[in-house]
Amino acid sequence: MTATPTPLTVGFDLDMTLIDSRPGIAATYRSVSARTGVYIDVDAVVSRLGPPLAHELANWFPPDRLDDAIALYREFYPGDAITPTLPLPGAAEALAAVRAAGGRVVVVTAKRAGLARLHVDHLGLPVDVLVGDAWADGKAVALREHGASIYVGDHVADMGAARTAGVVGVGVTTGPCDAAALTAAGAAAVLPDLRAFPQWLETARISVG
């Protein structure tokens, strides 16, 4: 009896992998700063996107104000962050390449799922599954649960999650981490951006059954 081949499933990070959310995130942090009177270095914030929201806000708010700051950020986000955010170069083509290979697209992001969904829907990205609130080992769990064989991301933590999950990590240098850092974190391949992904996927000769 011949085993049924496992369909190709490719995971993608969202911020700075598929979308350039820096303008929208910057606008949201400015709104939080204006409402609370707390100074936030927005340029510094958008230069290091990747970790969960609470990690960043903890740099600016004391523990007893952190939950309120998170809630305020999420209140402002839909109005401030969705419209200014654009797909990164090659994002649509990368997702189309997975679909053309008979595969599924799974977005695994540290962003809250509802907010991530606003971006996906606004930009019309063809995503089969979206997993939010996932970071580091949480991303690895999601990748395993959804049967991913590849994870594409811009952060060293994404490559660590791919390694933990036992999948192929593909780094892109559109975020805060350079090629050397992504390689050191376990990336099997590092691309300048997603425009190079369709060719990489083709030459990787992933079996899709």
Protein backbone atom coordinates (compact mmCIF):
# COMPACT_ATOMS: atom_id res chain seq x y z
CA MET A 1 0.00 0.00 0.00
CA THR A 2 1.44 3.37 -1.02
CA ALA A 3 1.54 6.02 1.68
CA THR A 4 -0.36 9.21 0.94
CA PRO A 5 2.14 12.02 0.36
CA THR A 6 2.07 14.87 2.85
CA PRO A 7 0.94 18.11 1.19
CA LEU A 8 3.39 20.98 1.13
CA THR A 9 2.68 23.42 3.96
CA VAL A 10 4.73 26.59 4.21
CA GLY A 11 4.65 28.82 7.25
CA PHE A 12 5.31 32.55 7.00
CA ASP A 13 5.88 35.15 9.67
CA LEU A 14 3.82 38.32 9.14
CA ASP A 15 5.51 41.57 10.21
CA MET A 16 8.55 42.42 8.07
CA THR A 17 8.31 39.08 6.28
CA LEU A 18 5.03 39.41 4.38
CA ILE A 19 4.09 42.99 5.28
CA ASP A 20 5.86 46.25 6.04
CA SER A 21 3.91 47.22 9.13
CA ARG A 22 6.40 49.84 10.33
CA PRO A 23 4.35 52.93 9.34
CA GLY A 24 1.20 51.62 10.98
CA ILE A 25 2.93 50.40 14.11
CA ALA A 26 4.74 53.73 14.42
CA ALA A 27 1.42 55.57 14.16
CA THR A 28 -0.10 53.34 16.83
CA TYR A 29 2.78 53.90 19.25
CA ARG A 30 2.51 57.65 18.68
CA SER A 31 -1.17 57.48 19.61
CA VAL A 32 -0.35 55.54 22.77
CA SER A 33 2.35 58.06 23.67
CA ALA A 34 0.04 61.01 23.08
CA ARG A 35 -2.78 59.48 25.16
CA THR A 36 -0.57 58.44 28.10
CA GLY A 37 2.04 61.19 28.07
CA VAL A 38 4.77 58.52 28.14
CA TYR A 39 7.72 59.08 25.80
CA ILE A 40 8.27 56.24 23.31
CA ASP A 41 11.17 56.23 20.85
CA VAL A 42 9.11 55.13 17.87
CA ASP A 43 12.10 54.89 15.52
CA ALA A 44 13.76 52.45 17.92
CA VAL A 45 10.56 50.43 18.24
CA VAL A 46 10.09 49.89 14.51
CA SER A 47 13.75 49.00 14.04
CA ARG A 48 13.35 45.84 16.14
CA LEU A 49 9.93 44.41 15.31
CA GLY A 50 9.40 40.73 16.01
CA PRO A 51 8.93 40.01 19.72
CA PRO A 52 5.46 40.16 21.31
CA LEU A 53 3.88 43.53 22.07
CA ALA A 54 4.32 43.18 25.83
CA HIS A 55 8.08 42.79 25.40
CA GLU A 56 8.36 46.16 23.65
CA LEU A 57 5.91 48.09 25.79
CA ALA A 58 7.76 46.93 28.90
CA ASN A 59 10.62 49.16 27.75
CA TRP A 60 8.39 52.22 28.22
CA PHE A 61 5.81 51.39 30.87
CA PRO A 62 6.26 50.07 34.44
CA PRO A 63 4.69 46.69 35.27
CA ASP A 64 1.65 48.24 36.94
CA ARG A 65 0.78 50.15 33.74
CA LEU A 66 1.69 47.51 31.20
CA ASP A 67 -1.71 45.83 30.83
CA ASP A 68 -3.40 49.20 30.29
CA ALA A 69 -0.80 50.16 27.69
CA ILE A 70 -1.33 46.89 25.82
CA ALA A 71 -5.10 47.40 25.81
CA LEU A 72 -4.69 50.98 24.59
CA TYR A 73 -2.35 49.90 21.79
CA ARG A 74 -4.84 47.29 20.62
CA GLU A 75 -7.62 49.87 20.76
CA PHE A 76 -5.73 52.24 18.46
CA TYR A 77 -4.29 49.58 16.15
CA PRO A 78 -7.22 48.95 13.77
CA GLY A 79 -7.61 52.67 13.02
CA ASP A 80 -3.92 53.55 12.90
CA ALA A 81 -2.08 50.54 11.52
CA ILE A 82 -4.07 48.76 8.82
CA THR A 83 -4.30 51.29 6.00
CA PRO A 84 -0.61 52.40 6.02
CA THR A 85 0.66 48.81 5.90
CA LEU A 86 1.71 47.41 2.53
CA PRO A 87 2.91 44.00 1.34
CA LEU A 88 6.66 43.62 1.16
CA PRO A 89 8.18 43.05 -2.30
CA GLY A 90 7.48 39.53 -3.51
CA ALA A 91 4.91 38.66 -0.84
CA ALA A 92 2.05 37.98 -3.23
CA GLU A 93 4.32 36.03 -5.57
CA ALA A 94 5.70 33.91 -2.70
CA LEU A 95 2.24 32.90 -1.56
CA ALA A 96 1.20 32.24 -5.15
CA ALA A 97 4.24 29.97 -5.62
CA VAL A 98 3.16 27.85 -2.65
CA ARG A 99 -0.35 27.60 -4.05
CA ALA A 100 0.96 26.76 -7.53
CA ALA A 101 2.94 23.89 -5.98
CA GLY A 102 -0.28 22.51 -4.50
CA GLY A 103 0.62 23.76 -1.05
CA ARG A 104 -0.99 25.49 1.90
CA VAL A 105 0.00 28.81 3.47
CA VAL A 106 0.09 29.11 7.26
CA VAL A 107 0.87 32.48 8.82
CA VAL A 108 2.35 32.16 12.32
CA THR A 109 2.85 35.49 14.06
CA ALA A 110 3.39 37.01 17.49
CA LYS A 111 0.67 39.52 16.66
CA ARG A 112 -2.80 38.91 18.10
CA ALA A 113 -4.74 36.84 15.58
CA GLY A 114 -7.59 39.31 15.19
CA LEU A 115 -5.23 42.17 14.33
CA ALA A 116 -3.21 39.96 12.00
CA ARG A 117 -6.42 38.97 10.25
CA LEU A 118 -7.21 42.63 9.59
CA HIS A 119 -3.94 42.92 7.64
CA VAL A 120 -4.44 39.67 5.74
CA ASP A 121 -7.97 40.61 4.73
CA HIS A 122 -7.15 44.24 3.88
CA LEU A 123 -4.31 43.18 1.59
CA GLY A 124 -6.11 40.17 0.16
CA LEU A 125 -3.33 37.75 1.06
CA PRO A 126 -4.27 34.13 0.23
CA VAL A 127 -3.72 32.52 3.63
CA ASP A 128 -5.16 29.12 4.56
CA VAL A 129 -4.47 29.23 8.30
CA LEU A 130 -3.53 32.10 10.61
CA VAL A 131 -2.07 31.50 14.06
CA GLY A 132 -1.54 34.50 16.33
CA ASP A 133 -0.03 35.13 19.77
CA ALA A 134 2.83 32.75 18.91
CA TRP A 135 6.47 33.45 19.68
CA ALA A 136 9.61 31.33 19.90
CA ASP A 137 8.58 27.84 21.09
CA GLY A 138 4.94 28.80 20.54
CA LYS A 139 5.70 29.21 16.85
CA ALA A 140 7.37 25.81 16.81
CA VAL A 141 4.25 24.24 18.32
CA ALA A 142 2.05 25.85 15.67
CA LEU A 143 4.34 24.75 12.85
CA ARG A 144 4.22 21.16 14.05
CA GLU A 145 0.46 21.22 14.60
CA HIS A 146 -0.18 22.39 11.05
CA GLY A 147 2.33 20.09 9.39
CA ALA A 148 4.63 22.79 8.04
CA SER A 149 7.83 21.71 6.35
CA ILE A 150 9.20 25.25 5.83
CA TYR A 151 9.04 28.43 7.89
CA VAL A 152 9.94 31.78 6.39
CA GLY A 153 10.76 34.67 8.70
CA ASP A 154 12.88 37.76 9.23
CA HIS A 155 13.92 37.25 12.86
CA VAL A 156 16.46 34.99 14.54
CA ALA A 157 13.64 33.76 16.78
CA ASP A 158 11.81 32.59 13.65
CA MET A 159 14.80 30.51 12.66
CA GLY A 160 15.00 29.15 16.19
CA ALA A 161 11.33 28.17 16.00
CA ALA A 162 11.92 26.41 12.68
CA ARG A 163 14.85 24.52 14.17
CA THR A 164 12.83 23.50 17.23
CA ALA A 165 9.95 22.35 15.03
CA GLY A 166 12.30 20.35 12.80
CA VAL A 167 11.38 22.28 9.65
CA VAL A 168 13.45 24.14 7.06
CA GLY A 169 14.05 27.73 8.12
CA VAL A 170 14.26 30.33 5.37
CA GLY A 171 15.37 33.78 6.47
CA VAL A 172 14.67 37.07 4.73
CA THR A 173 16.66 40.19 5.49
CA THR A 174 13.71 42.57 5.29
CA GLY A 175 13.51 42.82 9.08
CA PRO A 176 15.94 43.63 11.89
CA CYS A 177 18.29 40.64 11.44
CA ASP A 178 21.02 40.39 8.84
CA ALA A 179 22.06 37.34 6.86
CA ALA A 180 24.85 36.38 9.26
CA ALA A 181 22.53 36.46 12.27
CA LEU A 182 19.83 34.46 10.49
CA THR A 183 22.35 31.86 9.36
CA ALA A 184 23.81 31.58 12.85
CA ALA A 185 20.28 31.07 14.20
CA GLY A 186 19.80 28.06 11.93
CA ALA A 187 18.48 29.34 8.60
CA ALA A 188 18.99 26.79 5.83
CA ALA A 189 18.76 29.62 3.29
CA VAL A 190 18.75 33.41 3.53
CA LEU A 191 17.08 35.52 0.85
CA PRO A 192 17.20 39.31 0.41
CA ASP A 193 13.40 39.39 0.23
CA LEU A 194 10.47 37.26 -0.87
CA ARG A 195 11.04 38.00 -4.55
CA ALA A 196 13.66 35.26 -4.42
CA PHE A 197 11.38 32.74 -2.74
CA PRO A 198 9.57 31.21 -5.77
CA GLN A 199 12.89 30.26 -7.37
CA TRP A 200 14.21 28.92 -4.07
CA LEU A 201 11.07 26.81 -3.62
CA GLU A 202 11.40 25.42 -7.12
CA THR A 203 15.05 24.52 -6.77
CA ALA A 204 14.52 23.06 -3.28
CA ARG A 205 12.46 20.33 -4.99
CA ILE A 206 9.96 19.97 -2.18
CA SER A 207 7.70 16.95 -2.77
CA VAL A 208 4.02 17.81 -2.82
CA GLY A 209 2.74 14.44 -3.90
